[in-house]
PDB file of N, CA and C in Angstrom:
ATOM      1  N   GLN A   1      10.219  14.896   8.131  1.00  0.00           N
ATOM      2  CA  GLN A   1      10.544  14.151   6.926  1.00  0.00           C
ATOM      3  C   GLN A   1      10.363  12.660   7.194  1.00  0.00           C
ATOM      4  N   VAL A   2       9.679  11.990   6.290  1.00  0.00           N
ATOM      5  CA  VAL A   2       9.429  10.561   6.387  1.00  0.00           C
ATOM      6  C   VAL A   2       9.916   9.894   5.111  1.00  0.00           C
ATOM      7  N   GLN A   3      10.617   8.785   5.276  1.00  0.00           N
ATOM      8  CA  GLN A   3      11.069   7.991   4.146  1.00  0.00           C
ATOM      9  C   GLN A   3      10.342   6.656   4.150  1.00  0.00           C
ATOM     10  N   LEU A   4       9.952   6.188   2.977  1.00  0.00           N
ATOM     11  CA  LEU A   4       9.219   4.944   2.829  1.00  0.00           C
ATOM     12  C   LEU A   4       9.980   4.010   1.900  1.00  0.00           C
ATOM     13  N   VAL A   5      10.195   2.784   2.346  1.00  0.00           N
ATOM     14  CA  VAL A   5      10.904   1.784   1.561  1.00  0.00           C
ATOM     15  C   VAL A   5       9.979   0.603   1.324  1.00  0.00           C
ATOM     16  N   GLU A   6       9.689   0.329   0.060  1.00  0.00           N
ATOM     17  CA  GLU A   6       8.770  -0.727  -0.324  1.00  0.00           C
ATOM     18  C   GLU A   6       9.519  -1.954  -0.813  1.00  0.00           C
ATOM     19  N   SER A   7       8.888  -3.110  -0.650  1.00  0.00           N
ATOM     20  CA  SER A   7       9.454  -4.350  -1.141  1.00  0.00           C
ATOM     21  C   SER A   7       8.342  -5.370  -1.348  1.00  0.00           C
ATOM     22  N   GLY A   8       8.641  -6.435  -2.084  1.00  0.00           N
ATOM     23  CA  GLY A   8       7.717  -7.541  -2.226  1.00  0.00           C
ATOM     24  C   GLY A   8       7.070  -7.698  -3.582  1.00  0.00           C
ATOM     25  N   GLY A   9       7.270  -6.752  -4.481  1.00  0.00           N
ATOM     26  CA  GLY A   9       6.678  -6.864  -5.800  1.00  0.00           C
ATOM     27  C   GLY A   9       7.339  -7.957  -6.618  1.00  0.00           C
ATOM     28  N   GLY A  10       6.710  -8.289  -7.739  1.00  0.00           N
ATOM     29  CA  GLY A  10       7.264  -9.315  -8.595  1.00  0.00           C
ATOM     30  C   GLY A  10       6.280  -9.781  -9.638  1.00  0.00           C
ATOM     31  N   LEU A  11       6.626 -10.880 -10.293  1.00  0.00           N
ATOM     32  CA  LEU A  11       5.813 -11.484 -11.340  1.00  0.00           C
ATOM     33  C   LEU A  11       5.141 -12.742 -10.801  1.00  0.00           C
ATOM     34  N   VAL A  12       3.823 -12.816 -10.944  1.00  0.00           N
ATOM     35  CA  VAL A  12       3.066 -13.985 -10.497  1.00  0.00           C
ATOM     36  C   VAL A  12       2.028 -14.350 -11.541  1.00  0.00           C
ATOM     37  N   GLN A  13       1.576 -15.595 -11.497  1.00  0.00           N
ATOM     38  CA  GLN A  13       0.517 -16.054 -12.384  1.00  0.00           C
ATOM     39  C   GLN A  13      -0.852 -15.682 -11.827  1.00  0.00           C
ATOM     40  N   PRO A  14      -1.858 -15.570 -12.688  1.00  0.00           N
ATOM     41  CA  PRO A  14      -3.207 -15.324 -12.182  1.00  0.00           C
ATOM     42  C   PRO A  14      -3.596 -16.355 -11.129  1.00  0.00           C
ATOM     43  N   GLY A  15      -4.220 -15.873 -10.055  1.00  0.00           N
ATOM     44  CA  GLY A  15      -4.577 -16.734  -8.945  1.00  0.00           C
ATOM     45  C   GLY A  15      -3.514 -16.840  -7.879  1.00  0.00           C
ATOM     46  N   GLY A  16      -2.341 -16.315  -8.146  1.00  0.00           N
ATOM     47  CA  GLY A  16      -1.252 -16.370  -7.194  1.00  0.00           C
ATOM     48  C   GLY A  16      -1.338 -15.292  -6.139  1.00  0.00           C
ATOM     49  N   SER A  17      -0.310 -15.232  -5.287  1.00  0.00           N
ATOM     50  CA  SER A  17      -0.289 -14.300  -4.166  1.00  0.00           C
ATOM     51  C   SER A  17       1.043 -13.582  -4.064  1.00  0.00           C
ATOM     52  N   LEU A  18       1.001 -12.381  -3.516  1.00  0.00           N
ATOM     53  CA  LEU A  18       2.183 -11.601  -3.180  1.00  0.00           C
ATOM     54  C   LEU A  18       1.911 -10.851  -1.888  1.00  0.00           C
ATOM     55  N   ARG A  19       2.976 -10.533  -1.168  1.00  0.00           N
ATOM     56  CA  ARG A  19       2.865  -9.736   0.048  1.00  0.00           C
ATOM     57  C   ARG A  19       3.819  -8.551  -0.051  1.00  0.00           C
ATOM     58  N   LEU A  20       3.262  -7.354  -0.069  1.00  0.00           N
ATOM     59  CA  LEU A  20       4.048  -6.136  -0.131  1.00  0.00           C
ATOM     60  C   LEU A  20       4.306  -5.605   1.272  1.00  0.00           C
ATOM     61  N   SER A  21       5.473  -5.006   1.455  1.00  0.00           N
ATOM     62  CA  SER A  21       5.833  -4.395   2.725  1.00  0.00           C
ATOM     63  C   SER A  21       6.300  -2.971   2.486  1.00  0.00           C
ATOM     64  N   CYS A  22       6.054  -2.105   3.460  1.00  0.00           N
ATOM     65  CA  CYS A  22       6.508  -0.721   3.398  1.00  0.00           C
ATOM     66  C   CYS A  22       6.928  -0.294   4.791  1.00  0.00           C
ATOM     67  N   ALA A  23       8.198   0.042   4.945  1.00  0.00           N
ATOM     68  CA  ALA A  23       8.740   0.473   6.223  1.00  0.00           C
ATOM     69  C   ALA A  23       8.970   1.982   6.212  1.00  0.00           C
ATOM     70  N   ALA A  24       8.459   2.659   7.226  1.00  0.00           N
ATOM     71  CA  ALA A  24       8.610   4.102   7.356  1.00  0.00           C
ATOM     72  C   ALA A  24       9.705   4.432   8.356  1.00  0.00           C
ATOM     73  N   SER A  25      10.456   5.476   8.073  1.00  0.00           N
ATOM     74  CA  SER A  25      11.489   5.944   8.981  1.00  0.00           C
ATOM     75  C   SER A  25      11.534   7.465   8.957  1.00  0.00           C
ATOM     76  N   GLY A  26      12.174   8.049   9.969  1.00  0.00           N
ATOM     77  CA  GLY A  26      12.255   9.492  10.079  1.00  0.00           C
ATOM     78  C   GLY A  26      11.376  10.013  11.201  1.00  0.00           C
ATOM     79  N   SER A  27      10.733  11.142  10.953  1.00  0.00           N
ATOM     80  CA  SER A  27       9.864  11.768  11.952  1.00  0.00           C
ATOM     81  C   SER A  27       8.479  11.150  11.883  1.00  0.00           C
ATOM     82  N   ILE A  28       8.351   9.962  12.447  1.00  0.00           N
ATOM     83  CA  ILE A  28       7.140   9.166  12.294  1.00  0.00           C
ATOM     84  C   ILE A  28       5.995   9.679  13.159  1.00  0.00           C
ATOM     85  N   GLY A  29       6.250   9.899  14.429  1.00  0.00           N
ATOM     86  CA  GLY A  29       5.178  10.240  15.344  1.00  0.00           C
ATOM     87  C   GLY A  29       4.381   9.010  15.725  1.00  0.00           C
ATOM     88  N   SER A  30       3.197   9.218  16.276  1.00  0.00           N
ATOM     89  CA  SER A  30       2.394   8.106  16.762  1.00  0.00           C
ATOM     90  C   SER A  30       1.027   7.980  16.114  1.00  0.00           C
ATOM     91  N   THR A  31       0.544   9.031  15.466  1.00  0.00           N
ATOM     92  CA  THR A  31      -0.775   9.003  14.855  1.00  0.00           C
ATOM     93  C   THR A  31      -0.656   9.291  13.362  1.00  0.00           C
ATOM     94  N   TYR A  32      -0.875   8.281  12.568  1.00  0.00           N
ATOM     95  CA  TYR A  32      -0.760   8.424  11.123  1.00  0.00           C
ATOM     96  C   TYR A  32      -1.487   7.284  10.442  1.00  0.00           C
ATOM     97  N   ALA A  33      -1.944   7.546   9.247  1.00  0.00           N
ATOM     98  CA  ALA A  33      -2.548   6.517   8.418  1.00  0.00           C
ATOM     99  C   ALA A  33      -1.560   6.104   7.339  1.00  0.00           C
ATOM    100  N   MET A  34      -1.642   4.857   6.924  1.00  0.00           N
ATOM    101  CA  MET A  34      -0.820   4.376   5.825  1.00  0.00           C
ATOM    102  C   MET A  34      -1.706   3.642   4.841  1.00  0.00           C
ATOM    103  N   GLY A  35      -1.228   3.531   3.625  1.00  0.00           N
ATOM    104  CA  GLY A  35      -2.034   2.871   2.623  1.00  0.00           C
ATOM    105  C   GLY A  35      -1.244   2.503   1.393  1.00  0.00           C
ATOM    106  N   TRP A  36      -1.947   1.857   0.496  1.00  0.00           N
ATOM    107  CA  TRP A  36      -1.378   1.452  -0.779  1.00  0.00           C
ATOM    108  C   TRP A  36      -2.230   1.997  -1.917  1.00  0.00           C
ATOM    109  N   TYR A  37      -1.565   2.535  -2.914  1.00  0.00           N
ATOM    110  CA  TYR A  37      -2.186   3.004  -4.136  1.00  0.00           C
ATOM    111  C   TYR A  37      -1.480   2.334  -5.305  1.00  0.00           C
ATOM    112  N   ARG A  38      -2.129   2.291  -6.445  1.00  0.00           N
ATOM    113  CA  ARG A  38      -1.497   1.671  -7.604  1.00  0.00           C
ATOM    114  C   ARG A  38      -1.773   2.478  -8.857  1.00  0.00           C
ATOM    115  N   GLN A  39      -0.877   2.332  -9.825  1.00  0.00           N
ATOM    116  CA  GLN A  39      -0.999   3.054 -11.077  1.00  0.00           C
ATOM    117  C   GLN A  39      -0.502   2.175 -12.220  1.00  0.00           C
ATOM    118  N   ALA A  40      -1.375   1.925 -13.173  1.00  0.00           N
ATOM    119  CA  ALA A  40      -1.018   1.197 -14.379  1.00  0.00           C
ATOM    120  C   ALA A  40      -0.617   2.191 -15.458  1.00  0.00           C
ATOM    121  N   PRO A  41       0.179   1.767 -16.435  1.00  0.00           N
ATOM    122  CA  PRO A  41       0.600   2.677 -17.505  1.00  0.00           C
ATOM    123  C   PRO A  41      -0.587   3.331 -18.201  1.00  0.00           C
ATOM    124  N   GLY A  42      -0.525   4.644 -18.342  1.00  0.00           N
ATOM    125  CA  GLY A  42      -1.574   5.372 -19.017  1.00  0.00           C
ATOM    126  C   GLY A  42      -2.816   5.619 -18.199  1.00  0.00           C
ATOM    127  N   LYS A  43      -2.817   5.214 -16.927  1.00  0.00           N
ATOM    128  CA  LYS A  43      -3.978   5.393 -16.076  1.00  0.00           C
ATOM    129  C   LYS A  43      -3.621   6.207 -14.838  1.00  0.00           C
ATOM    130  N   GLN A  44      -4.636   6.758 -14.189  1.00  0.00           N
ATOM    131  CA  GLN A  44      -4.426   7.547 -12.992  1.00  0.00           C
ATOM    132  C   GLN A  44      -4.162   6.647 -11.787  1.00  0.00           C
ATOM    133  N   ARG A  45      -3.510   7.213 -10.788  1.00  0.00           N
ATOM    134  CA  ARG A  45      -3.265   6.480  -9.562  1.00  0.00           C
ATOM    135  C   ARG A  45      -4.573   6.292  -8.804  1.00  0.00           C
ATOM    136  N   GLU A  46      -4.789   5.091  -8.282  1.00  0.00           N
ATOM    137  CA  GLU A  46      -6.021   4.788  -7.582  1.00  0.00           C
ATOM    138  C   GLU A  46      -5.743   4.173  -6.221  1.00  0.00           C
ATOM    139  N   LEU A  47      -6.662   4.400  -5.309  1.00  0.00           N
ATOM    140  CA  LEU A  47      -6.561   3.838  -3.972  1.00  0.00           C
ATOM    141  C   LEU A  47      -6.778   2.335  -4.012  1.00  0.00           C
ATOM    142  N   VAL A  48      -5.953   1.605  -3.263  1.00  0.00           N
ATOM    143  CA  VAL A  48      -6.128   0.173  -3.086  1.00  0.00           C
ATOM    144  C   VAL A  48      -6.682  -0.110  -1.694  1.00  0.00           C
ATOM    145  N   ALA A  49      -5.978   0.351  -0.666  1.00  0.00           N
ATOM    146  CA  ALA A  49      -6.392   0.117   0.708  1.00  0.00           C
ATOM    147  C   ALA A  49      -5.686   1.093   1.629  1.00  0.00           C
ATOM    148  N   THR A  50      -6.333   1.448   2.728  1.00  0.00           N
ATOM    149  CA  THR A  50      -5.734   2.300   3.748  1.00  0.00           C
ATOM    150  C   THR A  50      -6.003   1.718   5.122  1.00  0.00           C
ATOM    151  N   ILE A  51      -5.174   2.115   6.085  1.00  0.00           N
ATOM    152  CA  ILE A  51      -5.346   1.676   7.464  1.00  0.00           C
ATOM    153  C   ILE A  51      -4.895   2.791   8.393  1.00  0.00           C
ATOM    154  N   THR A  52      -5.701   3.078   9.415  1.00  0.00           N
ATOM    155  CA  THR A  52      -5.372   4.119  10.371  1.00  0.00           C
ATOM    156  C   THR A  52      -4.491   3.564  11.471  1.00  0.00           C
ATOM    157  N   SER A  53      -3.984   4.460  12.324  1.00  0.00           N
ATOM    158  CA  SER A  53      -3.163   4.024  13.448  1.00  0.00           C
ATOM    159  C   SER A  53      -3.957   3.160  14.419  1.00  0.00           C
ATOM    160  N   GLY A  54      -5.282   3.326  14.431  1.00  0.00           N
ATOM    161  CA  GLY A  54      -6.138   2.514  15.276  1.00  0.00           C
ATOM    162  C   GLY A  54      -6.567   1.205  14.658  1.00  0.00           C
ATOM    163  N   GLY A  55      -6.209   0.982  13.393  1.00  0.00           N
ATOM    164  CA  GLY A  55      -6.506  -0.282  12.751  1.00  0.00           C
ATOM    165  C   GLY A  55      -7.733  -0.297  11.854  1.00  0.00           C
ATOM    166  N   SER A  56      -8.393   0.837  11.675  1.00  0.00           N
ATOM    167  CA  SER A  56      -9.541   0.891  10.771  1.00  0.00           C
ATOM    168  C   SER A  56      -9.069   0.811   9.331  1.00  0.00           C
ATOM    169  N   THR A  57      -9.738  -0.006   8.528  1.00  0.00           N
ATOM    170  CA  THR A  57      -9.305  -0.241   7.151  1.00  0.00           C
ATOM    171  C   THR A  57     -10.353   0.201   6.146  1.00  0.00           C
ATOM    172  N   ASN A  58      -9.882   0.464   4.944  1.00  0.00           N
ATOM    173  CA  ASN A  58     -10.741   0.819   3.827  1.00  0.00           C
ATOM    174  C   ASN A  58     -10.151   0.204   2.568  1.00  0.00           C
ATOM    175  N   TYR A  59     -11.003  -0.413   1.738  1.00  0.00           N
ATOM    176  CA  TYR A  59     -10.564  -1.075   0.520  1.00  0.00           C
ATOM    177  C   TYR A  59     -11.355  -0.584  -0.672  1.00  0.00           C
ATOM    178  N   SER A  60     -10.710  -0.557  -1.816  1.00  0.00           N
ATOM    179  CA  SER A  60     -11.442  -0.326  -3.043  1.00  0.00           C
ATOM    180  C   SER A  60     -12.287  -1.558  -3.352  1.00  0.00           C
ATOM    181  N   ASP A  61     -13.395  -1.353  -4.046  1.00  0.00           N
ATOM    182  CA  ASP A  61     -14.290  -2.463  -4.347  1.00  0.00           C
ATOM    183  C   ASP A  61     -13.601  -3.554  -5.168  1.00  0.00           C
ATOM    184  N   SER A  62     -12.656  -3.177  -5.995  1.00  0.00           N
ATOM    185  CA  SER A  62     -12.015  -4.130  -6.880  1.00  0.00           C
ATOM    186  C   SER A  62     -11.121  -5.135  -6.159  1.00  0.00           C
ATOM    187  N   VAL A  63     -10.731  -4.846  -4.910  1.00  0.00           N
ATOM    188  CA  VAL A  63      -9.826  -5.745  -4.193  1.00  0.00           C
ATOM    189  C   VAL A  63     -10.443  -6.341  -2.939  1.00  0.00           C
ATOM    190  N   LYS A  64     -11.640  -5.930  -2.574  1.00  0.00           N
ATOM    191  CA  LYS A  64     -12.290  -6.461  -1.381  1.00  0.00           C
ATOM    192  C   LYS A  64     -12.429  -7.979  -1.476  1.00  0.00           C
ATOM    193  N   GLY A  65     -12.088  -8.649  -0.390  1.00  0.00           N
ATOM    194  CA  GLY A  65     -12.153 -10.102  -0.356  1.00  0.00           C
ATOM    195  C   GLY A  65     -10.916 -10.784  -0.875  1.00  0.00           C
ATOM    196  N   ARG A  66     -10.012 -10.039  -1.507  1.00  0.00           N
ATOM    197  CA  ARG A  66      -8.782 -10.614  -2.046  1.00  0.00           C
ATOM    198  C   ARG A  66      -7.532 -10.051  -1.383  1.00  0.00           C
ATOM    199  N   PHE A  67      -7.549  -8.761  -1.051  1.00  0.00           N
ATOM    200  CA  PHE A  67      -6.393  -8.094  -0.449  1.00  0.00           C
ATOM    201  C   PHE A  67      -6.665  -7.810   1.019  1.00  0.00           C
ATOM    202  N   THR A  68      -5.612  -7.821   1.820  1.00  0.00           N
ATOM    203  CA  THR A  68      -5.703  -7.482   3.232  1.00  0.00           C
ATOM    204  C   THR A  68      -4.567  -6.548   3.603  1.00  0.00           C
ATOM    205  N   ILE A  69      -4.900  -5.402   4.186  1.00  0.00           N
ATOM    206  CA  ILE A  69      -3.890  -4.463   4.649  1.00  0.00           C
ATOM    207  C   ILE A  69      -3.744  -4.601   6.159  1.00  0.00           C
ATOM    208  N   SER A  70      -2.520  -4.500   6.638  1.00  0.00           N
ATOM    209  CA  SER A  70      -2.248  -4.584   8.063  1.00  0.00           C
ATOM    210  C   SER A  70      -1.041  -3.718   8.386  1.00  0.00           C
ATOM    211  N   ARG A  71      -0.799  -3.495   9.678  1.00  0.00           N
ATOM    212  CA  ARG A  71       0.347  -2.677  10.065  1.00  0.00           C
ATOM    213  C   ARG A  71       0.936  -3.165  11.375  1.00  0.00           C
ATOM    214  N   ASP A  72       2.222  -2.920  11.524  1.00  0.00           N
ATOM    215  CA  ASP A  72       2.955  -3.216  12.734  1.00  0.00           C
ATOM    216  C   ASP A  72       3.477  -1.876  13.241  1.00  0.00           C
ATOM    217  N   ASN A  73       2.795  -1.308  14.222  1.00  0.00           N
ATOM    218  CA  ASN A  73       3.157   0.021  14.705  1.00  0.00           C
ATOM    219  C   ASN A  73       4.536   0.052  15.351  1.00  0.00           C
ATOM    220  N   ALA A  74       4.936  -1.044  15.978  1.00  0.00           N
ATOM    221  CA  ALA A  74       6.242  -1.094  16.618  1.00  0.00           C
ATOM    222  C   ALA A  74       7.367  -0.977  15.596  1.00  0.00           C
ATOM    223  N   ARG A  75       7.129  -1.464  14.387  1.00  0.00           N
ATOM    224  CA  ARG A  75       8.137  -1.404  13.339  1.00  0.00           C
ATOM    225  C   ARG A  75       7.819  -0.365  12.272  1.00  0.00           C
ATOM    226  N   ASN A  76       6.745   0.409  12.480  1.00  0.00           N
ATOM    227  CA  ASN A  76       6.336   1.435  11.524  1.00  0.00           C
ATOM    228  C   ASN A  76       6.241   0.871  10.106  1.00  0.00           C
ATOM    229  N   THR A  77       5.592  -0.271  10.004  1.00  0.00           N
ATOM    230  CA  THR A  77       5.527  -0.992   8.744  1.00  0.00           C
ATOM    231  C   THR A  77       4.080  -1.326   8.391  1.00  0.00           C
ATOM    232  N   VAL A  78       3.756  -1.204   7.116  1.00  0.00           N
ATOM    233  CA  VAL A  78       2.442  -1.587   6.621  1.00  0.00           C
ATOM    234  C   VAL A  78       2.628  -2.700   5.598  1.00  0.00           C
ATOM    235  N   PHE A  79       1.662  -3.621   5.550  1.00  0.00           N
ATOM    236  CA  PHE A  79       1.717  -4.759   4.651  1.00  0.00           C
ATOM    237  C   PHE A  79       0.473  -4.797   3.779  1.00  0.00           C
ATOM    238  N   LEU A  80       0.606  -5.398   2.629  1.00  0.00           N
ATOM    239  CA  LEU A  80      -0.534  -5.663   1.765  1.00  0.00           C
ATOM    240  C   LEU A  80      -0.432  -7.100   1.279  1.00  0.00           C
ATOM    241  N   GLN A  81      -1.294  -7.959   1.813  1.00  0.00           N
ATOM    242  CA  GLN A  81      -1.368  -9.339   1.372  1.00  0.00           C
ATOM    243  C   GLN A  81      -2.326  -9.407   0.196  1.00  0.00           C
ATOM    244  N   MET A  82      -1.841  -9.846  -0.951  1.00  0.00           N
ATOM    245  CA  MET A  82      -2.627  -9.890  -2.166  1.00  0.00           C
ATOM    246  C   MET A  82      -2.821 -11.341  -2.586  1.00  0.00           C
ATOM    247  N   ASN A  83      -4.065 -11.797  -2.575  1.00  0.00           N
ATOM    248  CA  ASN A  83      -4.406 -13.152  -2.968  1.00  0.00           C
ATOM    249  C   ASN A  83      -5.307 -13.126  -4.198  1.00  0.00           C
ATOM    250  N   SER A  84      -5.423 -14.271  -4.846  1.00  0.00           N
ATOM    251  CA  SER A  84      -6.277 -14.403  -6.025  1.00  0.00           C
ATOM    252  C   SER A  84      -6.014 -13.296  -7.032  1.00  0.00           C
ATOM    253  N   LEU A  85      -4.758 -13.077  -7.324  1.00  0.00           N
ATOM    254  CA  LEU A  85      -4.373 -11.973  -8.193  1.00  0.00           C
ATOM    255  C   LEU A  85      -4.892 -12.162  -9.614  1.00  0.00           C
ATOM    256  N   LYS A  86      -5.272 -11.043 -10.214  1.00  0.00           N
ATOM    257  CA  LYS A  86      -5.797 -11.009 -11.564  1.00  0.00           C
ATOM    258  C   LYS A  86      -4.889 -10.164 -12.449  1.00  0.00           C
ATOM    259  N   PRO A  87      -4.912 -10.386 -13.762  1.00  0.00           N
ATOM    260  CA  PRO A  87      -4.100  -9.549 -14.654  1.00  0.00           C
ATOM    261  C   PRO A  87      -4.365  -8.058 -14.487  1.00  0.00           C
ATOM    262  N   GLU A  88      -5.599  -7.686 -14.183  1.00  0.00           N
ATOM    263  CA  GLU A  88      -5.922  -6.281 -14.006  1.00  0.00           C
ATOM    264  C   GLU A  88      -5.329  -5.672 -12.741  1.00  0.00           C
ATOM    265  N   ASP A  89      -4.740  -6.498 -11.876  1.00  0.00           N
ATOM    266  CA  ASP A  89      -4.023  -5.987 -10.714  1.00  0.00           C
ATOM    267  C   ASP A  89      -2.621  -5.506 -11.067  1.00  0.00           C
ATOM    268  N   THR A  90      -2.189  -5.764 -12.278  1.00  0.00           N
ATOM    269  CA  THR A  90      -0.861  -5.355 -12.720  1.00  0.00           C
ATOM    270  C   THR A  90      -0.729  -3.836 -12.659  1.00  0.00           C
ATOM    271  N   ALA A  91       0.273  -3.362 -11.920  1.00  0.00           N
ATOM    272  CA  ALA A  91       0.482  -1.933 -11.739  1.00  0.00           C
ATOM    273  C   ALA A  91       1.714  -1.713 -10.884  1.00  0.00           C
ATOM    274  N   ALA A  92       2.145  -0.467 -10.820  1.00  0.00           N
ATOM    275  CA  ALA A  92       3.127  -0.061  -9.827  1.00  0.00           C
ATOM    276  C   ALA A  92       2.375   0.286  -8.556  1.00  0.00           C
ATOM    277  N   TYR A  93       2.780  -0.309  -7.452  1.00  0.00           N
ATOM    278  CA  TYR A  93       2.110  -0.098  -6.180  1.00  0.00           C
ATOM    279  C   TYR A  93       2.937   0.852  -5.320  1.00  0.00           C
ATOM    280  N   TYR A  94       2.277   1.886  -4.803  1.00  0.00           N
ATOM    281  CA  TYR A  94       2.940   2.927  -4.031  1.00  0.00           C
ATOM    282  C   TYR A  94       2.444   2.941  -2.596  1.00  0.00           C
ATOM    283  N   CYS A  95       3.372   2.992  -1.673  1.00  0.00           N
ATOM    284  CA  CYS A  95       3.055   3.121  -0.260  1.00  0.00           C
ATOM    285  C   CYS A  95       2.825   4.593   0.073  1.00  0.00           C
ATOM    286  N   ASN A  96       1.839   4.859   0.921  1.00  0.00           N
ATOM    287  CA  ASN A  96       1.503   6.217   1.328  1.00  0.00           C
ATOM    288  C   ASN A  96       1.497   6.343   2.842  1.00  0.00           C
ATOM    289  N   PHE A  97       2.036   7.445   3.328  1.00  0.00           N
ATOM    290  CA  PHE A  97       2.034   7.805   4.742  1.00  0.00           C
ATOM    291  C   PHE A  97       1.310   9.136   4.860  1.00  0.00           C
ATOM    292  N   ARG A  98       0.311   9.209   5.724  1.00  0.00           N
ATOM    293  CA  ARG A  98      -0.483  10.433   5.857  1.00  0.00           C
ATOM    294  C   ARG A  98      -0.691  10.787   7.320  1.00  0.00           C
ATOM    295  N   ARG A  99      -0.404  12.046   7.653  1.00  0.00           N
ATOM    296  CA  ARG A  99      -0.603  12.533   9.007  1.00  0.00           C
ATOM    297  C   ARG A  99      -1.305  13.876   8.946  1.00  0.00           C
ATOM    298  N   THR A 100      -2.364  14.010   9.710  1.00  0.00           N
ATOM    299  CA  THR A 100      -3.124  15.251   9.768  1.00  0.00           C
ATOM    300  C   THR A 100      -2.820  15.972  11.074  1.00  0.00           C
ATOM    301  N   VAL A 101      -2.362  17.206  10.962  1.00  0.00           N
ATOM    302  CA  VAL A 101      -2.078  18.051  12.118  1.00  0.00           C
ATOM    303  C   VAL A 101      -2.966  19.279  12.007  1.00  0.00           C
ATOM    304  N   GLY A 102      -3.949  19.367  12.874  1.00  0.00           N
ATOM    305  CA  GLY A 102      -4.935  20.422  12.747  1.00  0.00           C
ATOM    306  C   GLY A 102      -5.689  20.257  11.443  1.00  0.00           C
ATOM    307  N   LEU A 103      -5.658  21.286  10.609  1.00  0.00           N
ATOM    308  CA  LEU A 103      -6.331  21.236   9.315  1.00  0.00           C
ATOM    309  C   LEU A 103      -5.359  20.957   8.167  1.00  0.00           C
ATOM    310  N   TYR A 104      -4.094  20.663   8.486  1.00  0.00           N
ATOM    311  CA  TYR A 104      -3.093  20.437   7.463  1.00  0.00           C
ATOM    312  C   TYR A 104      -2.758  18.957   7.363  1.00  0.00           C
ATOM    313  N   GLU A 105      -2.679  18.464   6.135  1.00  0.00           N
ATOM    314  CA  GLU A 105      -2.393  17.058   5.877  1.00  0.00           C
ATOM    315  C   GLU A 105      -1.005  16.899   5.273  1.00  0.00           C
ATOM    316  N   TYR A 106      -0.193  16.049   5.903  1.00  0.00           N
ATOM    317  CA  TYR A 106       1.132  15.731   5.399  1.00  0.00           C
ATOM    318  C   TYR A 106       1.076  14.382   4.683  1.00  0.00           C
ATOM    319  N   ASN A 107       1.611  14.324   3.476  1.00  0.00           N
ATOM    320  CA  ASN A 107       1.635  13.095   2.690  1.00  0.00           C
ATOM    321  C   ASN A 107       3.051  12.778   2.228  1.00  0.00           C
ATOM    322  N   TYR A 108       3.432  11.501   2.340  1.00  0.00           N
ATOM    323  CA  TYR A 108       4.706  11.013   1.841  1.00  0.00           C
ATOM    324  C   TYR A 108       4.454   9.756   1.026  1.00  0.00           C
ATOM    325  N   TRP A 109       5.286   9.544   0.000  1.00  0.00           N
ATOM    326  CA  TRP A 109       5.102   8.431  -0.919  1.00  0.00           C
ATOM    327  C   TRP A 109       6.382   7.636  -1.105  1.00  0.00           C
ATOM    328  N   GLY A 110       6.224   6.335  -1.255  1.00  0.00           N
ATOM    329  CA  GLY A 110       7.339   5.497  -1.620  1.00  0.00           C
ATOM    330  C   GLY A 110       7.621   5.592  -3.103  1.00  0.00           C
ATOM    331  N   GLN A 111       8.678   4.923  -3.542  1.00  0.00           N
ATOM    332  CA  GLN A 111       9.084   4.982  -4.942  1.00  0.00           C
ATOM    333  C   GLN A 111       8.280   4.050  -5.843  1.00  0.00           C
ATOM    334  N   GLY A 112       7.568   3.113  -5.262  1.00  0.00           N
ATOM    335  CA  GLY A 112       6.761   2.182  -6.025  1.00  0.00           C
ATOM    336  C   GLY A 112       7.443   0.839  -6.205  1.00  0.00           C
ATOM    337  N   THR A 113       6.651  -0.212  -6.211  1.00  0.00           N
ATOM    338  CA  THR A 113       7.142  -1.550  -6.488  1.00  0.00           C
ATOM    339  C   THR A 113       6.211  -2.192  -7.512  1.00  0.00           C
ATOM    340  N   GLN A 114       6.789  -2.812  -8.520  1.00  0.00           N
ATOM    341  CA  GLN A 114       6.012  -3.329  -9.643  1.00  0.00           C
ATOM    342  C   GLN A 114       5.407  -4.689  -9.321  1.00  0.00           C
ATOM    343  N   VAL A 115       4.123  -4.819  -9.608  1.00  0.00           N
ATOM    344  CA  VAL A 115       3.413  -6.093  -9.515  1.00  0.00           C
ATOM    345  C   VAL A 115       2.896  -6.434 -10.900  1.00  0.00           C
ATOM    346  N   THR A 116       3.287  -7.589 -11.408  1.00  0.00           N
ATOM    347  CA  THR A 116       2.847  -8.034 -12.722  1.00  0.00           C
ATOM    348  C   THR A 116       2.178  -9.392 -12.594  1.00  0.00           C
ATOM    349  N   VAL A 117       0.943  -9.485 -13.055  1.00  0.00           N
ATOM    350  CA  VAL A 117       0.176 -10.725 -13.007  1.00  0.00           C
ATOM    351  C   VAL A 117      -0.044 -11.181 -14.442  1.00  0.00           C
ATOM    352  N   SER A 118       0.591 -12.280 -14.802  1.00  0.00           N
ATOM    353  CA  SER A 118       0.540 -12.740 -16.183  1.00  0.00           C
ATOM    354  C   SER A 118       0.764 -14.241 -16.246  1.00  0.00           C
ATOM    355  N   SER A 119       0.111 -14.876 -17.215  1.00  0.00           N
ATOM    356  CA  SER A 119       0.301 -16.301 -17.445  1.00  0.00           C
ATOM    357  C   SER A 119       1.370 -16.558 -18.492  1.00  0.00           C
TER     358      SER A 119
END
């Protein structure tokens, strides 16, 4: 069992910045990927960025060059630095923890933190 606690969301103006944090606790282990997904009202959840335990990253095209994902393995924490925010970035952001054991994939999700970009 893994628990995820997110923080850092809020209201910012276009062009502003926010930094999201997600701390994992429980049966963490040593090999796992973490990431951020977002969901706007009436839309499906979409991938924002992921990072493996080795530090390999993946970003959606819409956030490349603006967002940076990182992790602190000692604290089991993942971060999302969001710069040059746009109104279309407005969504609930969810932290994801993923561990693959053999052919089985374990997924855990945070409760979500709201990011609103508005003038």
